[in-house]
Amino acid sequence: MLPLQIRSSVDGCSTASTSTVCVASINSTRFSGKAASAPYTVEMPPEEEGKVATIPHEAALHKLLRGHYAFPCIFWSGIDGGAHVMIMERLGATLEQLRRFCRGRFSLKTVCMLAEQMITSIEFAHSHGIIIRDIKPENFAMGIGQCADVVYLFDVGLGKLYIDPTTGLHKPFREGRVGVGTPRYSSPNVHAEKEQGRRDDIISLGHSLLYLLQGGFLGREFMRRA
């Protein structure tokens, strides 16, 4: 299955790539696609321009996470038109888009219902030796159709194996590491340049849930009062 057309409309953005709408397959089924560069047709792969191609890495992580309902199906990944491309199943609005639609915040009941599914997806990733390292509302989206009540974790481009595949052991903790992810959702350890682990994913989840509930961050309110 190869992508036939990538349109100019953008679903959402991540720190590593851009998610776009595409039309693929013979019957023109709608999928979501990620292209490592924009526009879709470029002459050289990103790495030849001094950039790091993250989509092959993300596709490999999705392969490890395949089979769980909280992660979208990946239909195809590879190089097309000079760009790294990954085609995944079509999803609905992200939690950040829904938050804005709901006047900036969710009710406590809604946040608790979302949290249950978000925790499940993160727990599954951790059980497969993967830390996400970029937990935020923009990286979760609702499904469509019969899966409209399912919360998908679709962006794992900054994910990393915390279990050494050769030894099966936990990789050693290190300091002096440059943090990745979105700073406002990151844990104190990330800002202190310490190695990220499973705990940091959970802390970022907590920050994300508070953000969805409050419509902002408590620290900003404290700064206004100071």
C-alpha atoms as a PDB file:
ATOM      1  CA  MET A   1       0.000   0.000   0.000  1.00  0.00           C
ATOM      2  CA  LEU A   2       1.544   3.290  -1.089  1.00  0.00           C
ATOM      3  CA  PRO A   3       0.325   6.832  -0.447  1.00  0.00           C
ATOM      4  CA  LEU A   4      -1.294   8.349  -3.537  1.00  0.00           C
ATOM      5  CA  GLN A   5      -1.865  11.896  -2.376  1.00  0.00           C
ATOM      6  CA  ILE A   6      -1.078  13.989   0.687  1.00  0.00           C
ATOM      7  CA  ARG A   7      -3.267  17.023   1.045  1.00  0.00           C
ATOM      8  CA  SER A   8      -2.222  20.393   2.459  1.00  0.00           C
ATOM      9  CA  SER A   9      -4.559  20.393   5.480  1.00  0.00           C
ATOM     10  CA  VAL A  10      -2.874  19.649   8.794  1.00  0.00           C
ATOM     11  CA  ASP A  11      -4.440  17.597  11.613  1.00  0.00           C
ATOM     12  CA  GLY A  12      -1.957  18.561  14.304  1.00  0.00           C
ATOM     13  CA  CYS A  13       1.722  19.077  14.980  1.00  0.00           C
ATOM     14  CA  SER A  14       4.274  17.294  17.097  1.00  0.00           C
ATOM     15  CA  THR A  15       7.802  18.178  18.069  1.00  0.00           C
ATOM     16  CA  ALA A  16       9.245  15.786  15.508  1.00  0.00           C
ATOM     17  CA  SER A  17       7.007  15.845  12.456  1.00  0.00           C
ATOM     18  CA  THR A  18       3.739  17.026  10.947  1.00  0.00           C
ATOM     19  CA  SER A  19       0.559  14.958  10.793  1.00  0.00           C
ATOM     20  CA  THR A  20      -1.414  15.477   7.596  1.00  0.00           C
ATOM     21  CA  VAL A  21      -4.500  14.114   5.899  1.00  0.00           C
ATOM     22  CA  CYS A  22      -3.857  11.743   3.018  1.00  0.00           C
ATOM     23  CA  VAL A  23      -5.786   9.565   0.608  1.00  0.00           C
ATOM     24  CA  ALA A  24      -4.380   6.080   0.112  1.00  0.00           C
ATOM     25  CA  SER A  25      -5.341   2.644  -1.243  1.00  0.00           C
ATOM     26  CA  ILE A  26      -7.469   1.789  -4.234  1.00  0.00           C
ATOM     27  CA  ASN A  27     -10.823   2.597  -2.643  1.00  0.00           C
ATOM     28  CA  SER A  28      -9.604   6.012  -1.418  1.00  0.00           C
ATOM     29  CA  THR A  29      -9.998   5.154   2.246  1.00  0.00           C
ATOM     30  CA  ARG A  30      -9.004   8.092   4.433  1.00  0.00           C
ATOM     31  CA  PHE A  31      -5.961   7.633   6.626  1.00  0.00           C
ATOM     32  CA  SER A  32      -3.723   9.857   8.703  1.00  0.00           C
ATOM     33  CA  GLY A  33      -0.201  10.273   7.447  1.00  0.00           C
ATOM     34  CA  LYS A  34       3.047  11.633   8.773  1.00  0.00           C
ATOM     35  CA  ALA A  35       5.614  13.137   6.481  1.00  0.00           C
ATOM     36  CA  ALA A  36       9.076  13.957   7.750  1.00  0.00           C
ATOM     37  CA  SER A  37       9.193  17.084   5.614  1.00  0.00           C
ATOM     38  CA  ALA A  38       6.748  19.491   4.059  1.00  0.00           C
ATOM     39  CA  PRO A  39       5.655  19.647   1.321  1.00  0.00           C
ATOM     40  CA  TYR A  40       5.224  15.912   0.845  1.00  0.00           C
ATOM     41  CA  THR A  41       7.316  15.591  -2.302  1.00  0.00           C
ATOM     42  CA  VAL A  42      10.936  16.513  -1.609  1.00  0.00           C
ATOM     43  CA  GLU A  43      14.082  15.615  -3.495  1.00  0.00           C
ATOM     44  CA  MET A  44      16.201  14.281  -0.660  1.00  0.00           C
ATOM     45  CA  PRO A  45      15.497  12.411   2.589  1.00  0.00           C
ATOM     46  CA  PRO A  46      15.797  14.627   5.700  1.00  0.00           C
ATOM     47  CA  GLU A  47      19.049  13.031   6.868  1.00  0.00           C
ATOM     48  CA  GLU A  48      20.762  14.158   3.656  1.00  0.00           C
ATOM     49  CA  GLU A  49      19.903  17.736   4.616  1.00  0.00           C
ATOM     50  CA  GLY A  50      21.460  17.404   8.059  1.00  0.00           C
ATOM     51  CA  LYS A  51      18.180  16.513   9.789  1.00  0.00           C
ATOM     52  CA  VAL A  52      17.323  13.415  11.777  1.00  0.00           C
ATOM     53  CA  ALA A  53      14.607  11.208  10.306  1.00  0.00           C
ATOM     54  CA  THR A  54      12.368  10.262  13.237  1.00  0.00           C
ATOM     55  CA  ILE A  55       9.562   8.533  11.365  1.00  0.00           C
ATOM     56  CA  PRO A  56      11.412   5.207  10.788  1.00  0.00           C
ATOM     57  CA  HIS A  57      12.102   5.117  14.529  1.00  0.00           C
ATOM     58  CA  GLU A  58       8.471   5.873  15.359  1.00  0.00           C
ATOM     59  CA  ALA A  59       7.228   3.224  12.934  1.00  0.00           C
ATOM     60  CA  ALA A  60       9.467   0.656  14.638  1.00  0.00           C
ATOM     61  CA  LEU A  61       8.022   1.567  18.042  1.00  0.00           C
ATOM     62  CA  HIS A  62       4.475   1.299  16.712  1.00  0.00           C
ATOM     63  CA  LYS A  63       5.348  -2.178  15.477  1.00  0.00           C
ATOM     64  CA  LEU A  64       6.301  -3.162  19.032  1.00  0.00           C
ATOM     65  CA  LEU A  65       3.038  -1.676  20.326  1.00  0.00           C
ATOM     66  CA  ARG A  66       0.913  -3.330  17.661  1.00  0.00           C
ATOM     67  CA  GLY A  67      -2.184  -5.147  18.853  1.00  0.00           C
ATOM     68  CA  HIS A  68      -3.327  -2.853  21.665  1.00  0.00           C
ATOM     69  CA  TYR A  69      -6.537  -0.935  21.049  1.00  0.00           C
ATOM     70  CA  ALA A  70      -5.078   2.355  22.339  1.00  0.00           C
ATOM     71  CA  PHE A  71      -2.479   2.581  19.559  1.00  0.00           C
ATOM     72  CA  PRO A  72      -3.515   3.212  15.928  1.00  0.00           C
ATOM     73  CA  CYS A  73      -2.836   0.676  13.200  1.00  0.00           C
ATOM     74  CA  ILE A  74       0.096   1.459  10.921  1.00  0.00           C
ATOM     75  CA  PHE A  75      -0.773   0.521   7.346  1.00  0.00           C
ATOM     76  CA  TRP A  76       2.472   1.489   5.638  1.00  0.00           C
ATOM     77  CA  SER A  77       5.774   3.215   6.320  1.00  0.00           C
ATOM     78  CA  GLY A  78       8.724   3.932   4.084  1.00  0.00           C
ATOM     79  CA  ILE A  79      10.126   6.510   1.680  1.00  0.00           C
ATOM     80  CA  ASP A  80       7.827   8.028  -0.926  1.00  0.00           C
ATOM     81  CA  GLY A  81       8.582  11.053  -3.061  1.00  0.00           C
ATOM     82  CA  GLY A  82      11.875  11.572  -1.254  1.00  0.00           C
ATOM     83  CA  ALA A  83      10.272  11.834   2.192  1.00  0.00           C
ATOM     84  CA  HIS A  84       9.882   9.393   5.047  1.00  0.00           C
ATOM     85  CA  VAL A  85       6.155   8.648   5.359  1.00  0.00           C
ATOM     86  CA  MET A  86       4.019   6.679   7.796  1.00  0.00           C
ATOM     87  CA  ILE A  87       0.351   5.941   7.086  1.00  0.00           C
ATOM     88  CA  MET A  88      -1.839   5.205  10.103  1.00  0.00           C
ATOM     89  CA  GLU A  89      -5.553   4.786  10.630  1.00  0.00           C
ATOM     90  CA  ARG A  90      -7.643   7.939  10.618  1.00  0.00           C
ATOM     91  CA  LEU A  91      -8.320   9.452  14.049  1.00  0.00           C
ATOM     92  CA  GLY A  92     -10.549  12.205  15.358  1.00  0.00           C
ATOM     93  CA  ALA A  93      -9.729  15.369  17.279  1.00  0.00           C
ATOM     94  CA  THR A  94      -6.867  15.518  19.755  1.00  0.00           C
ATOM     95  CA  LEU A  95      -7.583  16.129  23.435  1.00  0.00           C
ATOM     96  CA  GLU A  96      -6.146  19.624  23.090  1.00  0.00           C
ATOM     97  CA  GLN A  97      -8.517  20.414  20.223  1.00  0.00           C
ATOM     98  CA  LEU A  98     -11.449  19.088  22.250  1.00  0.00           C
ATOM     99  CA  ARG A  99     -10.380  21.124  25.292  1.00  0.00           C
ATOM    100  CA  ARG A 100     -10.528  24.311  23.257  1.00  0.00           C
ATOM    101  CA  PHE A 101     -13.918  23.314  21.875  1.00  0.00           C
ATOM    102  CA  CYS A 102     -15.188  22.781  25.444  1.00  0.00           C
ATOM    103  CA  ARG A 103     -14.442  26.368  26.503  1.00  0.00           C
ATOM    104  CA  GLY A 104     -10.937  25.638  27.675  1.00  0.00           C
ATOM    105  CA  ARG A 105     -11.413  22.865  30.216  1.00  0.00           C
ATOM    106  CA  PHE A 106     -13.006  19.488  30.880  1.00  0.00           C
ATOM    107  CA  SER A 107     -15.174  18.454  33.812  1.00  0.00           C
ATOM    108  CA  LEU A 108     -13.686  16.292  36.556  1.00  0.00           C
ATOM    109  CA  LYS A 109     -15.760  13.327  35.362  1.00  0.00           C
ATOM    110  CA  THR A 110     -14.453  13.685  31.809  1.00  0.00           C
ATOM    111  CA  VAL A 111     -10.838  13.972  32.974  1.00  0.00           C
ATOM    112  CA  CYS A 112     -11.195  10.831  35.109  1.00  0.00           C
ATOM    113  CA  MET A 113     -12.660   8.893  32.189  1.00  0.00           C
ATOM    114  CA  LEU A 114      -9.835  10.040  29.915  1.00  0.00           C
ATOM    115  CA  ALA A 115      -7.213   9.305  32.572  1.00  0.00           C
ATOM    116  CA  GLU A 116      -8.269   5.669  32.820  1.00  0.00           C
ATOM    117  CA  GLN A 117      -7.594   5.045  29.139  1.00  0.00           C
ATOM    118  CA  MET A 118      -4.461   7.200  29.009  1.00  0.00           C
ATOM    119  CA  ILE A 119      -2.946   5.297  31.938  1.00  0.00           C
ATOM    120  CA  THR A 120      -3.763   2.000  30.223  1.00  0.00           C
ATOM    121  CA  SER A 121      -1.930   2.965  27.026  1.00  0.00           C
ATOM    122  CA  ILE A 122       1.131   4.232  28.902  1.00  0.00           C
ATOM    123  CA  GLU A 123       1.163   1.109  31.076  1.00  0.00           C
ATOM    124  CA  PHE A 124       1.097  -1.075  27.956  1.00  0.00           C
ATOM    125  CA  ALA A 125       4.034   0.813  26.445  1.00  0.00           C
ATOM    126  CA  HIS A 126       6.011   0.469  29.675  1.00  0.00           C
ATOM    127  CA  SER A 127       5.271  -3.262  29.818  1.00  0.00           C
ATOM    128  CA  HIS A 128       6.890  -3.544  26.378  1.00  0.00           C
ATOM    129  CA  GLY A 129      10.049  -1.738  27.470  1.00  0.00           C
ATOM    130  CA  ILE A 130       9.140   1.652  25.947  1.00  0.00           C
ATOM    131  CA  ILE A 131       8.964   5.080  27.561  1.00  0.00           C
ATOM    132  CA  ILE A 132       7.051   7.742  25.618  1.00  0.00           C
ATOM    133  CA  ARG A 133       8.955  10.859  26.808  1.00  0.00           C
ATOM    134  CA  ASP A 134       6.384  13.265  25.341  1.00  0.00           C
ATOM    135  CA  ILE A 135       3.086  12.776  27.137  1.00  0.00           C
ATOM    136  CA  LYS A 136       0.745  15.686  26.386  1.00  0.00           C
ATOM    137  CA  PRO A 137      -2.882  16.262  25.288  1.00  0.00           C
ATOM    138  CA  GLU A 138      -1.798  16.973  21.713  1.00  0.00           C
ATOM    139  CA  ASN A 139      -0.489  13.414  21.353  1.00  0.00           C
ATOM    140  CA  PHE A 140      -3.769  11.736  22.322  1.00  0.00           C
ATOM    141  CA  ALA A 141      -6.764  11.652  19.980  1.00  0.00           C
ATOM    142  CA  MET A 142     -10.245  10.187  20.005  1.00  0.00           C
ATOM    143  CA  GLY A 143     -11.230   7.527  17.523  1.00  0.00           C
ATOM    144  CA  ILE A 144     -13.979   7.833  14.926  1.00  0.00           C
ATOM    145  CA  GLY A 145     -17.049   5.771  14.080  1.00  0.00           C
ATOM    146  CA  GLN A 146     -17.464   2.739  16.312  1.00  0.00           C
ATOM    147  CA  CYS A 147     -14.236   3.683  18.120  1.00  0.00           C
ATOM    148  CA  ALA A 148     -15.312   7.249  18.921  1.00  0.00           C
ATOM    149  CA  ASP A 149     -15.034   6.585  22.670  1.00  0.00           C
ATOM    150  CA  VAL A 150     -11.470   5.228  22.477  1.00  0.00           C
ATOM    151  CA  VAL A 151      -8.501   7.426  23.420  1.00  0.00           C
ATOM    152  CA  TYR A 152      -5.518   6.732  21.150  1.00  0.00           C
ATOM    153  CA  LEU A 153      -1.881   7.511  21.900  1.00  0.00           C
ATOM    154  CA  PHE A 154      -0.738   8.133  18.342  1.00  0.00           C
ATOM    155  CA  ASP A 155       2.540  10.077  18.591  1.00  0.00           C
ATOM    156  CA  VAL A 156       5.434   8.044  19.995  1.00  0.00           C
ATOM    157  CA  GLY A 157       8.151   9.654  17.889  1.00  0.00           C
ATOM    158  CA  LEU A 158      10.255  10.572  20.929  1.00  0.00           C
ATOM    159  CA  GLY A 159       9.797   7.181  22.552  1.00  0.00           C
ATOM    160  CA  LYS A 160      12.763   5.119  23.669  1.00  0.00           C
ATOM    161  CA  LEU A 161      13.537   1.617  24.869  1.00  0.00           C
ATOM    162  CA  TYR A 162      14.427   1.617  28.557  1.00  0.00           C
ATOM    163  CA  ILE A 163      15.112  -2.129  28.507  1.00  0.00           C
ATOM    164  CA  ASP A 164      18.303  -3.216  26.765  1.00  0.00           C
ATOM    165  CA  PRO A 165      17.106  -5.698  24.093  1.00  0.00           C
ATOM    166  CA  THR A 166      20.401  -7.613  24.173  1.00  0.00           C
ATOM    167  CA  THR A 167      20.550  -8.157  27.947  1.00  0.00           C
ATOM    168  CA  GLY A 168      16.924  -7.737  28.972  1.00  0.00           C
ATOM    169  CA  LEU A 169      18.066  -5.439  31.775  1.00  0.00           C
ATOM    170  CA  HIS A 170      17.021  -1.905  32.650  1.00  0.00           C
ATOM    171  CA  LYS A 171      19.380   0.632  31.108  1.00  0.00           C
ATOM    172  CA  PRO A 172      21.514   2.439  33.732  1.00  0.00           C
ATOM    173  CA  PHE A 173      20.444   5.811  35.107  1.00  0.00           C
ATOM    174  CA  ARG A 174      22.513   8.745  33.888  1.00  0.00           C
ATOM    175  CA  GLU A 175      22.686  12.459  34.561  1.00  0.00           C
ATOM    176  CA  GLY A 176      23.658  15.316  32.291  1.00  0.00           C
ATOM    177  CA  ARG A 177      21.112  14.279  29.682  1.00  0.00           C
ATOM    178  CA  VAL A 178      19.375  16.898  27.546  1.00  0.00           C
ATOM    179  CA  GLY A 179      15.652  16.471  28.067  1.00  0.00           C
ATOM    180  CA  VAL A 180      13.274  15.826  25.191  1.00  0.00           C
ATOM    181  CA  GLY A 181       9.554  16.394  24.975  1.00  0.00           C
ATOM    182  CA  THR A 182       7.415  19.416  25.773  1.00  0.00           C
ATOM    183  CA  PRO A 183       8.900  21.424  28.685  1.00  0.00           C
ATOM    184  CA  ARG A 184       5.633  22.572  30.261  1.00  0.00           C
ATOM    185  CA  TYR A 185       4.482  18.970  30.761  1.00  0.00           C
ATOM    186  CA  SER A 186       7.912  17.596  31.710  1.00  0.00           C
ATOM    187  CA  SER A 187       8.908  16.359  35.155  1.00  0.00           C
ATOM    188  CA  PRO A 188      11.424  18.152  37.410  1.00  0.00           C
ATOM    189  CA  ASN A 189      13.979  15.436  36.619  1.00  0.00           C
ATOM    190  CA  VAL A 190      13.817  16.291  32.923  1.00  0.00           C
ATOM    191  CA  HIS A 191      14.492  19.963  33.651  1.00  0.00           C
ATOM    192  CA  ALA A 192      17.367  18.845  35.892  1.00  0.00           C
ATOM    193  CA  GLU A 193      18.872  16.992  32.897  1.00  0.00           C
ATOM    194  CA  LYS A 194      18.421  13.533  34.390  1.00  0.00           C
ATOM    195  CA  GLU A 195      17.716  10.353  32.461  1.00  0.00           C
ATOM    196  CA  GLN A 196      14.016   9.963  31.718  1.00  0.00           C
ATOM    197  CA  GLY A 197      12.171   6.897  32.907  1.00  0.00           C
ATOM    198  CA  ARG A 198       8.689   5.505  33.434  1.00  0.00           C
ATOM    199  CA  ARG A 199       8.098   7.798  36.388  1.00  0.00           C
ATOM    200  CA  ASP A 200       8.605  10.849  34.192  1.00  0.00           C
ATOM    201  CA  ASP A 201       5.894   9.643  31.798  1.00  0.00           C
ATOM    202  CA  ILE A 202       3.469   9.383  34.719  1.00  0.00           C
ATOM    203  CA  ILE A 203       4.389  12.841  36.010  1.00  0.00           C
ATOM    204  CA  SER A 204       3.825  14.283  32.532  1.00  0.00           C
ATOM    205  CA  LEU A 205       0.464  12.530  32.459  1.00  0.00           C
ATOM    206  CA  GLY A 206      -0.436  14.164  35.772  1.00  0.00           C
ATOM    207  CA  HIS A 207       0.532  17.573  34.416  1.00  0.00           C
ATOM    208  CA  SER A 208      -1.557  16.914  31.294  1.00  0.00           C
ATOM    209  CA  LEU A 209      -4.624  15.906  33.300  1.00  0.00           C
ATOM    210  CA  LEU A 210      -4.371  18.986  35.520  1.00  0.00           C
ATOM    211  CA  TYR A 211      -4.063  21.097  32.394  1.00  0.00           C
ATOM    212  CA  LEU A 212      -7.209  19.554  30.918  1.00  0.00           C
ATOM    213  CA  LEU A 213      -9.067  20.068  34.197  1.00  0.00           C
ATOM    214  CA  GLN A 214      -7.895  23.591  34.981  1.00  0.00           C
ATOM    215  CA  GLY A 215      -7.483  24.886  31.446  1.00  0.00           C
ATOM    216  CA  GLY A 216      -3.965  26.012  32.310  1.00  0.00           C
ATOM    217  CA  PHE A 217      -1.132  25.528  34.783  1.00  0.00           C
ATOM    218  CA  LEU A 218      -1.257  26.467  38.454  1.00  0.00           C
ATOM    219  CA  GLY A 219       2.257  27.899  38.312  1.00  0.00           C
ATOM    220  CA  ARG A 220       1.128  30.611  35.921  1.00  0.00           C
ATOM    221  CA  GLU A 221      -1.569  31.751  38.335  1.00  0.00           C
ATOM    222  CA  PHE A 222       0.943  31.919  41.186  1.00  0.00           C
ATOM    223  CA  MET A 223       3.247  34.027  39.026  1.00  0.00           C
ATOM    224  CA  ARG A 224       0.424  36.466  38.264  1.00  0.00           C
ATOM    225  CA  ARG A 225      -0.281  36.909  41.981  1.00  0.00           C
ATOM    226  CA  ALA A 226       3.393  37.419  42.847  1.00  0.00           C
END
